[in-house]
Amino acid sequence: MICKTCLIPDTRPDTQFVNGQCSACISYENRPEIDWDSRKKDLLHLLDRFDGKVIVPSSGGKDSTYQVITLLNYGADVTVVTARTCHLTDIGRRNIDNLSRYAPTIEVVPNMTDRAELNRMGLDMVGDISLPEHWAIFSTPFRMAKDLGIHLIMYGECPQNQYGGPMGSEQALQMTRRWTHEFGGFLGMRPSDVTGMDMSFYTLPENLDGIEAHFLGQYLPWDSHHNAEIAMAHGMETLGKPPSAANWWEWENLDNAQTGLHDYFMYLKYGYGRAAAQMSVDIRTGRLTRSEGLKMLKIMDGKFPNYYAGVSTEEIVNRIGTTIDRLHHIEEQFMTKHGG
């Protein structure tokens, strides 16, 4: 079943449907009931409580650039923390450097040989080449917060609010330890399942020592198009076209060349890809009709990413020590009736 409002199928993990409508569409329809003026005041009080010092986890992309610029405009003392991604693209490098013009930026780089092995393990075991990236974007900012003595972290949107989740989860203001273990990529395979290498880069600190992580999108109305406009006005680059034939937006997920394979396996396993997710946001905001989206989805969704952001899939798999033939063999293991 596909949501009667957007393009999200009921095979999407953790996404609840009510009377044929997905939880993301329900959340969006409930937005007018939120007192955003009050939420903004709560944000300002939150910044005051932590003396304006805040960490923004960042890829250098549209959302983190928007977050940094917005918080700076509110007088915050922002430190940007970037967890090195799995296969950094040239445009990703430039956008990270661009954002460092606005706020001090700390880029944390793991052992990339170990990272390649984790990419292979994620691909083989759970069909997710970018699994270690998911771990790192949640663990690294908390670890840096402890090291720097900055007790407030400001992530972007609440994913369950923007893209769907169990009913009630869309109301979360904070990213707690429980939230990260439930929604932060730690299910199915955890860092603790890996032996033979140092996994501290990918795990949360044992004691968070009063550190709080909040979602900026729960305090200010979240709009991906608006975020992109702000980011591009402040120097963020795009490719001038979507990073692959299976993407709808040209200004999202430009930093990691592995993202195309991550999205492709998402389609194989669950029957929807990045185009469906992005178009669904545009349908909710009235930028696209559902009928238009359905027509284009038949052309775009599930396409194999021969290139992503200018990087060939052969280069991507060779870099992690595997081959195209091996990749196609793994595809067959994760292919379901919903996807390929």
Protein backbone atom coordinates (compact mmCIF):
# COMPACT_ATOMS: atom_id res chain seq x y z
CA MET A 1 0.00 0.00 0.00
CA ILE A 2 1.16 3.53 -0.83
CA CYS A 3 0.11 6.51 1.28
CA LYS A 4 -3.05 8.07 -0.11
CA THR A 5 -1.46 11.53 0.20
CA CYS A 6 2.18 11.04 -0.82
CA LEU A 7 4.37 8.27 -2.32
CA ILE A 8 5.62 6.49 0.80
CA PRO A 9 4.80 2.75 0.94
CA ASP A 10 3.82 0.87 4.07
CA THR A 11 7.00 -1.20 3.63
CA ARG A 12 9.09 1.74 4.90
CA PRO A 13 10.52 0.64 8.27
CA ASP A 14 8.92 2.06 11.42
CA THR A 15 6.39 4.13 9.44
CA GLN A 16 2.90 3.93 10.83
CA PHE A 17 -0.21 4.37 8.67
CA VAL A 18 -3.62 5.57 9.85
CA ASN A 19 -6.59 5.25 7.49
CA GLY A 20 -4.27 4.89 4.52
CA GLN A 21 -2.14 7.91 5.36
CA CYS A 22 1.48 7.79 6.49
CA SER A 23 2.60 9.37 9.74
CA ALA A 24 4.75 11.96 7.92
CA CYS A 25 1.71 13.35 6.10
CA ILE A 26 -0.28 13.36 9.34
CA SER A 27 2.54 15.28 11.05
CA TYR A 28 2.65 17.84 8.27
CA GLU A 29 -1.11 18.37 8.37
CA ASN A 30 -0.84 18.99 12.13
CA ARG A 31 1.77 21.72 11.74
CA PRO A 32 -0.73 24.63 11.84
CA GLU A 33 -1.72 23.55 15.35
CA ILE A 34 1.82 24.18 16.63
CA ASP A 35 2.49 27.50 18.34
CA TRP A 36 5.69 28.32 16.48
CA ASP A 37 6.16 31.66 18.24
CA SER A 38 6.24 29.80 21.53
CA ARG A 39 8.60 27.20 20.09
CA LYS A 40 10.98 29.95 18.95
CA LYS A 41 10.99 31.42 22.45
CA ASP A 42 11.78 27.95 23.79
CA LEU A 43 14.73 27.79 21.40
CA LEU A 44 16.08 31.12 22.59
CA HIS A 45 15.69 30.04 26.23
CA LEU A 46 17.50 26.81 25.38
CA LEU A 47 20.42 28.73 23.88
CA ASP A 48 20.52 31.02 26.93
CA ARG A 49 20.57 28.02 29.26
CA PHE A 50 23.76 26.81 27.59
CA ASP A 51 25.32 30.30 27.32
CA GLY A 52 24.77 30.28 23.57
CA LYS A 53 27.41 27.60 23.00
CA VAL A 54 26.22 24.93 20.59
CA ILE A 55 27.61 22.19 18.37
CA VAL A 56 26.08 21.69 14.94
CA PRO A 57 26.75 18.25 13.43
CA SER A 58 27.47 18.91 9.79
CA SER A 59 28.13 17.43 6.38
CA GLY A 60 28.49 20.88 4.86
CA GLY A 61 25.15 20.35 3.13
CA LYS A 62 21.98 22.39 2.87
CA ASP A 63 20.54 21.56 6.28
CA SER A 64 23.67 21.97 8.38
CA THR A 65 24.55 25.19 6.55
CA TYR A 66 21.06 26.49 7.26
CA GLN A 67 21.37 25.43 10.90
CA VAL A 68 24.68 27.24 11.35
CA ILE A 69 23.52 30.45 9.68
CA THR A 70 20.21 30.47 11.59
CA LEU A 71 21.85 29.90 14.99
CA LEU A 72 24.49 32.53 14.29
CA ASN A 73 21.69 34.98 13.50
CA TYR A 74 20.25 34.20 16.94
CA GLY A 75 23.58 35.12 18.52
CA ALA A 76 24.76 31.59 19.23
CA ASP A 77 28.44 30.63 19.56
CA VAL A 78 28.50 27.80 17.02
CA THR A 79 31.10 25.06 16.62
CA VAL A 80 30.69 22.81 13.60
CA VAL A 81 31.57 19.13 14.00
CA THR A 82 31.92 16.99 10.89
CA ALA A 83 32.32 13.22 11.08
CA ARG A 84 34.23 12.24 7.94
CA THR A 85 31.95 10.42 5.58
CA CYS A 86 32.72 7.13 3.83
CA HIS A 87 33.66 8.40 0.36
CA LEU A 88 33.92 12.18 0.37
CA THR A 89 33.11 13.79 -2.97
CA ASP A 90 34.88 16.81 -4.41
CA ILE A 91 31.78 18.95 -4.01
CA GLY A 92 31.36 17.66 -0.47
CA ARG A 93 34.91 18.78 0.33
CA ARG A 94 34.23 22.25 -1.04
CA ASN A 95 30.98 22.61 0.88
CA ILE A 96 32.62 21.61 4.16
CA ASP A 97 35.32 24.18 3.54
CA ASN A 98 32.70 26.78 2.62
CA LEU A 99 30.85 26.34 5.90
CA SER A 100 34.10 26.72 7.84
CA ARG A 101 34.09 30.37 6.71
CA TYR A 102 31.20 31.00 9.08
CA ALA A 103 32.05 29.01 12.20
CA PRO A 104 34.97 27.06 13.67
CA THR A 105 34.89 23.59 12.16
CA ILE A 106 36.30 20.37 13.58
CA GLU A 107 36.52 17.47 11.15
CA VAL A 108 36.94 14.11 12.84
CA VAL A 109 38.51 11.45 10.62
CA PRO A 110 38.56 7.75 11.57
CA ASN A 111 40.91 5.05 10.38
CA MET A 112 39.71 4.90 6.78
CA THR A 113 41.06 1.38 6.25
CA ASP A 114 38.80 0.22 9.08
CA ARG A 115 35.99 2.30 7.60
CA ALA A 116 36.29 0.49 4.26
CA GLU A 117 36.06 -2.85 6.07
CA LEU A 118 32.96 -1.64 7.92
CA ASN A 119 31.46 -0.55 4.59
CA ARG A 120 31.98 -4.08 3.26
CA MET A 121 30.50 -5.61 6.40
CA GLY A 122 27.46 -3.34 6.27
CA LEU A 123 26.89 -4.16 2.61
CA ASP A 124 27.26 -7.91 3.12
CA MET A 125 25.34 -8.29 6.37
CA VAL A 126 22.52 -5.74 6.26
CA GLY A 127 22.60 -4.36 2.72
CA ASP A 128 23.79 -0.92 3.81
CA ILE A 129 27.19 0.21 2.56
CA SER A 130 26.91 3.43 4.59
CA LEU A 131 26.17 1.79 7.94
CA PRO A 132 29.30 3.16 9.69
CA GLU A 133 28.41 6.67 8.51
CA HIS A 134 25.06 6.37 10.28
CA TRP A 135 26.78 5.34 13.48
CA ALA A 136 29.34 8.15 13.25
CA ILE A 137 26.95 11.05 12.64
CA PHE A 138 25.29 10.28 15.96
CA SER A 139 28.29 9.27 18.07
CA THR A 140 30.92 11.81 16.99
CA PRO A 141 29.11 15.03 17.99
CA PHE A 142 28.44 13.63 21.47
CA ARG A 143 32.09 12.65 21.88
CA MET A 144 33.28 16.06 20.72
CA ALA A 145 30.77 17.76 23.04
CA LYS A 146 32.39 15.96 25.97
CA ASP A 147 35.91 16.83 24.82
CA LEU A 148 35.06 20.50 24.22
CA GLY A 149 32.84 21.02 27.27
CA ILE A 150 29.94 22.19 25.06
CA HIS A 151 26.73 20.68 26.39
CA LEU A 152 24.24 21.57 23.66
CA ILE A 153 24.07 19.85 20.26
CA MET A 154 21.61 21.02 17.62
CA TYR A 155 20.68 18.50 14.95
CA GLY A 156 18.36 19.36 12.05
CA GLU A 157 14.89 17.93 11.52
CA CYS A 158 13.29 15.20 13.59
CA PRO A 159 13.32 12.39 10.96
CA GLN A 160 10.10 10.84 12.25
CA ASN A 161 8.35 14.19 11.84
CA GLN A 162 9.70 14.86 8.36
CA TYR A 163 9.77 11.37 6.88
CA GLY A 164 7.58 9.20 9.11
CA GLY A 165 7.84 6.90 12.11
CA PRO A 166 5.78 5.37 14.90
CA MET A 167 2.97 7.65 16.00
CA GLY A 168 4.14 9.87 18.85
CA SER A 169 7.81 9.72 17.86
CA GLU A 170 7.35 12.82 15.68
CA GLN A 171 6.92 14.93 18.82
CA ALA A 172 10.44 14.32 20.14
CA LEU A 173 12.33 17.53 20.84
CA GLN A 174 15.52 15.81 21.95
CA MET A 175 17.80 13.13 20.57
CA THR A 176 18.30 11.01 23.66
CA ARG A 177 20.39 7.87 24.10
CA ARG A 178 17.21 5.84 23.76
CA TRP A 179 16.33 7.68 20.53
CA THR A 180 19.75 7.00 18.99
CA HIS A 181 19.55 3.30 19.80
CA GLU A 182 16.06 3.08 18.30
CA PHE A 183 16.43 5.32 15.24
CA GLY A 184 20.16 6.07 14.88
CA GLY A 185 21.20 3.13 12.75
CA PHE A 186 22.10 0.90 15.69
CA LEU A 187 19.43 -1.74 15.02
CA GLY A 188 20.20 -4.89 13.02
CA MET A 189 23.94 -4.45 13.46
CA ARG A 190 25.66 -2.49 16.22
CA PRO A 191 29.24 -1.32 16.71
CA SER A 192 29.46 -3.81 19.60
CA ASP A 193 28.94 -6.62 17.07
CA VAL A 194 32.26 -5.75 15.42
CA THR A 195 35.47 -7.30 16.72
CA GLY A 196 39.10 -6.79 15.83
CA MET A 197 39.12 -2.99 15.49
CA ASP A 198 38.72 0.11 17.65
CA MET A 199 35.03 1.05 17.53
CA SER A 200 35.13 4.02 19.91
CA PHE A 201 34.61 6.40 16.97
CA TYR A 202 31.21 4.81 16.38
CA THR A 203 29.84 4.49 19.91
CA LEU A 204 28.17 6.95 22.26
CA PRO A 205 30.05 7.95 25.42
CA GLU A 206 29.10 5.94 28.48
CA ASN A 207 28.26 9.11 30.41
CA LEU A 208 26.72 12.06 28.57
CA ASP A 209 27.45 14.41 31.51
CA GLY A 210 24.46 16.70 31.00
CA ILE A 211 24.85 16.94 27.23
CA GLU A 212 21.57 17.58 25.43
CA ALA A 213 20.90 17.13 21.71
CA HIS A 214 17.84 18.84 20.23
CA PHE A 215 16.17 19.01 16.79
CA LEU A 216 16.12 22.55 15.36
CA GLY A 217 13.18 21.54 13.16
CA GLN A 218 11.04 21.10 16.26
CA TYR A 219 11.54 24.75 17.21
CA LEU A 220 11.39 26.38 13.74
CA PRO A 221 9.24 25.20 10.80
CA TRP A 222 11.40 22.89 8.68
CA ASP A 223 11.43 23.37 4.91
CA SER A 224 14.10 21.63 2.79
CA HIS A 225 13.68 24.09 -0.09
CA HIS A 226 14.06 27.09 2.21
CA ASN A 227 17.12 25.51 3.81
CA ALA A 228 18.67 24.96 0.38
CA GLU A 229 18.02 28.57 -0.63
CA ILE A 230 19.69 29.87 2.53
CA ALA A 231 22.61 27.49 2.11
CA MET A 232 23.21 28.37 -1.54
CA ALA A 233 22.98 32.07 -0.73
CA HIS A 234 25.86 31.45 1.69
CA GLY A 235 28.09 29.65 -0.77
CA MET A 236 26.99 26.02 -0.76
CA GLU A 237 27.52 24.48 -4.19
CA THR A 238 25.26 22.11 -6.10
CA LEU A 239 25.94 20.03 -9.19
CA GLY A 240 23.25 21.83 -11.18
CA LYS A 241 21.41 18.53 -11.47
CA PRO A 242 20.51 15.66 -9.11
CA PRO A 243 23.52 13.55 -8.04
CA SER A 244 22.05 10.47 -9.73
CA ALA A 245 19.17 9.51 -12.02
CA ALA A 246 17.30 8.17 -8.97
CA ASN A 247 17.28 11.53 -7.13
CA TRP A 248 14.71 14.31 -7.41
CA TRP A 249 16.48 17.18 -5.63
CA GLU A 250 19.82 18.55 -6.84
CA TRP A 251 20.92 19.93 -3.49
CA GLU A 252 20.75 17.00 -1.06
CA ASN A 253 23.24 14.26 -0.08
CA LEU A 254 26.16 15.59 -2.12
CA ASP A 255 29.01 14.66 0.21
CA ASN A 256 29.11 10.84 0.21
CA ALA A 257 29.52 9.05 -3.13
CA GLN A 258 28.23 5.85 -1.52
CA THR A 259 24.77 7.37 -1.03
CA GLY A 260 23.57 6.14 -4.42
CA LEU A 261 24.22 2.51 -3.45
CA HIS A 262 22.68 3.07 -0.02
CA ASP A 263 19.52 4.40 -1.66
CA TYR A 264 19.50 1.64 -4.29
CA PHE A 265 19.57 -1.07 -1.63
CA MET A 266 16.86 0.79 0.24
CA TYR A 267 14.72 0.38 -2.87
CA LEU A 268 15.61 -3.32 -3.20
CA LYS A 269 14.69 -4.03 0.43
CA TYR A 270 11.70 -1.77 0.97
CA GLY A 271 10.33 -0.82 -2.44
CA TYR A 272 11.04 2.91 -2.34
CA GLY A 273 14.06 5.08 -3.00
CA ARG A 274 15.31 8.62 -2.55
CA ALA A 275 13.11 10.06 -5.29
CA ALA A 276 9.99 8.79 -3.51
CA ALA A 277 11.11 10.35 -0.23
CA GLN A 278 11.99 13.70 -1.80
CA MET A 279 8.89 13.88 -4.00
CA SER A 280 6.72 13.05 -1.00
CA VAL A 281 8.05 16.11 0.82
CA ASP A 282 7.21 18.23 -2.23
CA ILE A 283 3.72 16.74 -2.43
CA ARG A 284 3.04 17.60 1.22
CA THR A 285 4.17 21.20 0.67
CA GLY A 286 2.12 21.59 -2.51
CA ARG A 287 5.09 21.85 -4.88
CA LEU A 288 4.12 18.67 -6.71
CA THR A 289 0.88 16.74 -7.20
CA ARG A 290 0.66 13.10 -6.24
CA SER A 291 -0.33 12.10 -9.79
CA GLU A 292 2.71 13.92 -11.22
CA GLY A 293 4.92 12.22 -8.67
CA LEU A 294 3.56 8.77 -9.45
CA LYS A 295 4.31 9.23 -13.17
CA MET A 296 7.88 10.38 -12.59
CA LEU A 297 8.50 7.76 -9.93
CA LYS A 298 7.99 4.99 -12.50
CA ILE A 299 10.90 6.45 -14.45
CA MET A 300 13.25 7.37 -11.61
CA ASP A 301 12.85 5.15 -8.56
CA GLY A 302 15.06 2.10 -8.27
CA LYS A 303 17.54 3.01 -11.00
CA PHE A 304 20.99 1.51 -10.51
CA PRO A 305 23.46 4.34 -9.72
CA ASN A 306 26.20 3.93 -12.33
CA TYR A 307 27.49 7.27 -11.09
CA TYR A 308 26.75 9.33 -8.01
CA ALA A 309 27.86 12.96 -7.77
CA GLY A 310 30.29 12.23 -10.60
CA VAL A 311 31.86 9.16 -8.96
CA SER A 312 31.47 5.78 -10.67
CA THR A 313 30.07 2.84 -8.75
CA GLU A 314 33.08 0.79 -9.87
CA GLU A 315 35.39 3.26 -8.11
CA ILE A 316 33.18 3.16 -5.01
CA VAL A 317 33.17 -0.64 -4.65
CA ASN A 318 36.86 -0.96 -5.56
CA ARG A 319 37.70 1.49 -2.82
CA ILE A 320 36.15 -0.81 -0.20
CA GLY A 321 37.82 -3.89 -1.65
CA THR A 322 34.99 -5.50 -3.58
CA THR A 323 33.82 -5.71 -7.20
CA ILE A 324 30.79 -4.96 -9.36
CA ASP A 325 30.20 -8.72 -9.77
CA ARG A 326 30.21 -9.19 -6.02
CA LEU A 327 27.87 -6.21 -5.64
CA HIS A 328 25.32 -7.76 -8.03
CA HIS A 329 25.51 -11.03 -6.07
CA ILE A 330 24.71 -9.14 -2.86
CA GLU A 331 21.81 -7.39 -4.60
CA GLU A 332 20.11 -10.75 -5.14
CA GLN A 333 20.27 -11.51 -1.42
CA PHE A 334 18.40 -8.35 -0.47
CA MET A 335 16.00 -8.11 -3.38
CA THR A 336 12.36 -8.46 -2.29
CA LYS A 337 9.00 -8.49 -4.03
CA HIS A 338 8.63 -4.86 -2.94
CA GLY A 339 11.82 -3.72 -4.64
CA GLY A 340 13.63 -5.26 -7.57
